[in-house]
C-alpha atoms as a PDB file:
ATOM      1  CA  UNK A   1     -85.370 -49.794-169.187  1.00  0.00           C
ATOM      2  CA  UNK A   2     -82.642 -47.206-169.985  1.00  0.00           C
ATOM      3  CA  UNK A   3     -78.877 -48.051-170.683  1.00  0.00           C
ATOM      4  CA  UNK A   4     -77.826 -47.515-166.954  1.00  0.00           C
ATOM      5  CA  UNK A   5     -80.576 -49.860-165.602  1.00  0.00           C
ATOM      6  CA  UNK A   6     -80.015 -52.352-168.086  1.00  0.00           C
ATOM      7  CA  UNK A   7     -75.989 -52.133-167.196  1.00  0.00           C
ATOM      8  CA  UNK A   8     -77.116 -52.523-163.504  1.00  0.00           C
ATOM      9  CA  UNK A   9     -79.273 -55.612-164.048  1.00  0.00           C
ATOM     10  CA  UNK A  10     -76.808 -57.538-166.304  1.00  0.00           C
ATOM     11  CA  UNK A  11     -74.131 -56.501-163.356  1.00  0.00           C
ATOM     12  CA  UNK A  12     -76.115 -57.370-160.739  1.00  0.00           C
ATOM     13  CA  UNK A  13     -76.652 -61.231-162.458  1.00  0.00           C
ATOM     14  CA  UNK A  14     -72.798 -61.532-162.946  1.00  0.00           C
ATOM     15  CA  UNK A  15     -72.709 -61.172-166.626  1.00  0.00           C
ATOM     16  CA  UNK A  16     -70.423 -58.171-166.517  1.00  0.00           C
ATOM     17  CA  UNK A  17     -67.979 -56.508-164.310  1.00  0.00           C
ATOM     18  CA  UNK A  18     -67.252 -53.197-166.336  1.00  0.00           C
ATOM     19  CA  UNK A  19     -68.707 -51.421-168.841  1.00  0.00           C
ATOM     20  CA  UNK A  20     -67.461 -48.261-171.028  1.00  0.00           C
ATOM     21  CA  UNK A  21     -69.560 -46.575-173.608  1.00  0.00           C
ATOM     22  CA  UNK A  22     -66.806 -45.059-175.776  1.00  0.00           C
ATOM     23  CA  UNK A  23     -67.639 -42.664-178.627  1.00  0.00           C
ATOM     24  CA  UNK A  24     -65.527 -43.056-181.905  1.00  0.00           C
ATOM     25  CA  UNK A  25     -63.730 -39.623-180.734  1.00  0.00           C
ATOM     26  CA  UNK A  26     -62.078 -41.697-178.044  1.00  0.00           C
ATOM     27  CA  UNK A  27     -64.146 -40.025-175.115  1.00  0.00           C
ATOM     28  CA  UNK A  28     -65.652 -42.412-172.476  1.00  0.00           C
ATOM     29  CA  UNK A  29     -69.232 -41.437-172.056  1.00  0.00           C
ATOM     30  CA  UNK A  30     -69.974 -43.754-169.295  1.00  0.00           C
ATOM     31  CA  UNK A  31     -68.174 -46.150-166.997  1.00  0.00           C
ATOM     32  CA  UNK A  32     -69.564 -49.090-164.760  1.00  0.00           C
ATOM     33  CA  UNK A  33     -67.361 -50.529-162.250  1.00  0.00           C
ATOM     34  CA  UNK A  34     -63.926 -49.916-161.171  1.00  0.00           C
ATOM     35  CA  UNK A  35     -60.632 -51.216-163.574  1.00  0.00           C
ATOM     36  CA  UNK A  36     -57.642 -49.327-163.845  1.00  0.00           C
ATOM     37  CA  UNK A  37     -56.836 -49.800-167.189  1.00  0.00           C
ATOM     38  CA  UNK A  38     -57.071 -47.778-170.825  1.00  0.00           C
ATOM     39  CA  UNK A  39     -60.572 -48.742-172.478  1.00  0.00           C
ATOM     40  CA  UNK A  40     -58.939 -46.861-175.658  1.00  0.00           C
ATOM     41  CA  UNK A  41     -56.659 -50.160-175.734  1.00  0.00           C
ATOM     42  CA  UNK A  42     -59.362 -52.613-176.783  1.00  0.00           C
ATOM     43  CA  UNK A  43     -61.095 -50.079-178.749  1.00  0.00           C
ATOM     44  CA  UNK A  44     -58.071 -49.470-181.063  1.00  0.00           C
ATOM     45  CA  UNK A  45     -57.558 -53.231-181.147  1.00  0.00           C
ATOM     46  CA  UNK A  46     -60.792 -53.760-182.692  1.00  0.00           C
ATOM     47  CA  UNK A  47     -60.554 -50.543-185.092  1.00  0.00           C
ATOM     48  CA  UNK A  48     -57.090 -51.678-186.170  1.00  0.00           C
ATOM     49  CA  UNK A  49     -58.173 -55.290-186.385  1.00  0.00           C
ATOM     50  CA  UNK A  50     -55.300 -56.414-183.873  1.00  0.00           C
ATOM     51  CA  UNK A  51     -54.976 -60.110-182.647  1.00  0.00           C
ATOM     52  CA  UNK A  52     -54.205 -59.344-179.006  1.00  0.00           C
ATOM     53  CA  UNK A  53     -55.148 -56.920-176.417  1.00  0.00           C
ATOM     54  CA  UNK A  54     -52.381 -56.200-174.393  1.00  0.00           C
ATOM     55  CA  UNK A  55     -52.484 -53.936-170.874  1.00  0.00           C
ATOM     56  CA  UNK A  56     -48.952 -54.613-170.133  1.00  0.00           C
ATOM     57  CA  UNK A  57     -47.571 -57.174-167.805  1.00  0.00           C
ATOM     58  CA  UNK A  58     -49.288 -60.232-167.500  1.00  0.00           C
ATOM     59  CA  UNK A  59     -52.875 -58.847-168.558  1.00  0.00           C
ATOM     60  CA  UNK A  60     -53.133 -59.948-172.168  1.00  0.00           C
ATOM     61  CA  UNK A  61     -56.323 -60.870-173.885  1.00  0.00           C
ATOM     62  CA  UNK A  62     -56.368 -63.093-177.125  1.00  0.00           C
ATOM     63  CA  UNK A  63     -59.022 -62.392-179.746  1.00  0.00           C
ATOM     64  CA  UNK A  64     -61.411 -65.057-180.459  1.00  0.00           C
ATOM     65  CA  UNK A  65     -63.488 -63.083-182.832  1.00  0.00           C
ATOM     66  CA  UNK A  66     -63.118 -60.023-184.534  1.00  0.00           C
ATOM     67  CA  UNK A  67     -65.467 -58.396-187.311  1.00  0.00           C
ATOM     68  CA  UNK A  68     -66.461 -54.734-187.961  1.00  0.00           C
ATOM     69  CA  UNK A  69     -69.415 -55.009-185.302  1.00  0.00           C
ATOM     70  CA  UNK A  70     -67.846 -57.015-182.715  1.00  0.00           C
ATOM     71  CA  UNK A  71     -64.759 -58.069-180.893  1.00  0.00           C
ATOM     72  CA  UNK A  72     -64.797 -61.233-178.555  1.00  0.00           C
ATOM     73  CA  UNK A  73     -61.512 -61.885-176.465  1.00  0.00           C
ATOM     74  CA  UNK A  74     -60.363 -64.114-173.594  1.00  0.00           C
ATOM     75  CA  UNK A  75     -57.655 -63.891-171.202  1.00  0.00           C
ATOM     76  CA  UNK A  76     -55.740 -67.649-171.150  1.00  0.00           C
ATOM     77  CA  UNK A  77     -54.640 -66.930-167.599  1.00  0.00           C
ATOM     78  CA  UNK A  78     -58.261 -67.267-166.721  1.00  0.00           C
ATOM     79  CA  UNK A  79     -58.785 -63.297-166.157  1.00  0.00           C
ATOM     80  CA  UNK A  80     -62.190 -62.898-167.915  1.00  0.00           C
ATOM     81  CA  UNK A  81     -63.265 -61.843-171.504  1.00  0.00           C
ATOM     82  CA  UNK A  82     -62.994 -58.567-172.987  1.00  0.00           C
ATOM     83  CA  UNK A  83     -65.841 -57.435-175.309  1.00  0.00           C
ATOM     84  CA  UNK A  84     -66.367 -54.736-177.695  1.00  0.00           C
ATOM     85  CA  UNK A  85     -69.990 -54.285-179.376  1.00  0.00           C
ATOM     86  CA  UNK A  86     -70.563 -51.672-182.141  1.00  0.00           C
ATOM     87  CA  UNK A  87     -73.559 -49.486-181.231  1.00  0.00           C
ATOM     88  CA  UNK A  88     -75.793 -49.639-184.403  1.00  0.00           C
ATOM     89  CA  UNK A  89     -77.381 -46.358-183.968  1.00  0.00           C
ATOM     90  CA  UNK A  90     -74.449 -44.094-182.540  1.00  0.00           C
ATOM     91  CA  UNK A  91     -70.977 -43.569-183.432  1.00  0.00           C
ATOM     92  CA  UNK A  92     -69.619 -45.467-180.495  1.00  0.00           C
ATOM     93  CA  UNK A  93     -69.419 -48.993-178.923  1.00  0.00           C
ATOM     94  CA  UNK A  94     -69.619 -50.685-175.687  1.00  0.00           C
ATOM     95  CA  UNK A  95     -66.476 -52.329-173.984  1.00  0.00           C
ATOM     96  CA  UNK A  96     -67.431 -54.627-171.337  1.00  0.00           C
ATOM     97  CA  UNK A  97     -65.303 -57.220-169.148  1.00  0.00           C
ATOM     98  CA  UNK A  98     -66.821 -60.171-168.085  1.00  0.00           C
ATOM     99  CA  UNK A  99     -65.677 -62.639-165.507  1.00  0.00           C
ATOM    100  CA  UNK A 100     -64.150 -66.249-166.530  1.00  0.00           C
ATOM    101  CA  UNK A 101     -67.062 -68.249-165.771  1.00  0.00           C
ATOM    102  CA  UNK A 102     -69.655 -66.409-168.034  1.00  0.00           C
ATOM    103  CA  UNK A 103     -69.623 -68.111-171.643  1.00  0.00           C
ATOM    104  CA  UNK A 104     -68.036 -65.297-174.060  1.00  0.00           C
ATOM    105  CA  UNK A 105     -70.933 -65.825-176.687  1.00  0.00           C
ATOM    106  CA  UNK A 106     -73.464 -64.820-173.495  1.00  0.00           C
ATOM    107  CA  UNK A 107     -71.091 -62.020-172.694  1.00  0.00           C
ATOM    108  CA  UNK A 108     -70.872 -60.755-176.149  1.00  0.00           C
ATOM    109  CA  UNK A 109     -74.900 -61.196-176.462  1.00  0.00           C
ATOM    110  CA  UNK A 110     -75.290 -59.136-173.114  1.00  0.00           C
ATOM    111  CA  UNK A 111     -72.818 -56.254-174.765  1.00  0.00           C
ATOM    112  CA  UNK A 112     -74.696 -56.054-178.030  1.00  0.00           C
ATOM    113  CA  UNK A 113     -77.808 -55.390-176.119  1.00  0.00           C
ATOM    114  CA  UNK A 114     -76.407 -52.808-174.165  1.00  0.00           C
ATOM    115  CA  UNK A 115     -75.079 -51.067-177.387  1.00  0.00           C
ATOM    116  CA  UNK A 116     -78.501 -51.443-179.267  1.00  0.00           C
ATOM    117  CA  UNK A 117     -79.832 -48.963-176.124  1.00  0.00           C
ATOM    118  CA  UNK A 118     -77.531 -46.030-177.273  1.00  0.00           C
ATOM    119  CA  UNK A 119     -79.171 -43.902-179.641  1.00  0.00           C
END
């Protein structure tokens, strides 16, 4: 199953609503879904180990877990989770938004599976 097919599958099951494939060069190589936010904000938060992701206004995500290969964050207002998963075979990562009704660990596992498909 290709990366795009896997994105469509996990989106159909409701695990993710938005996915970006972003290179370390800050270029977006793939987008699924529509969310008018800047995906470099969570990417830079992960790279710089910042404890919050703030898109401005009331849209803020608190980082729950951060390591060199992942960032798991949640919006305390119930607006879902924002995940960054490092691609193991490519210089970049998958950034995904998941609805609040999805467990953040499951959302990360899905994003990590996507990241593993990128070569």
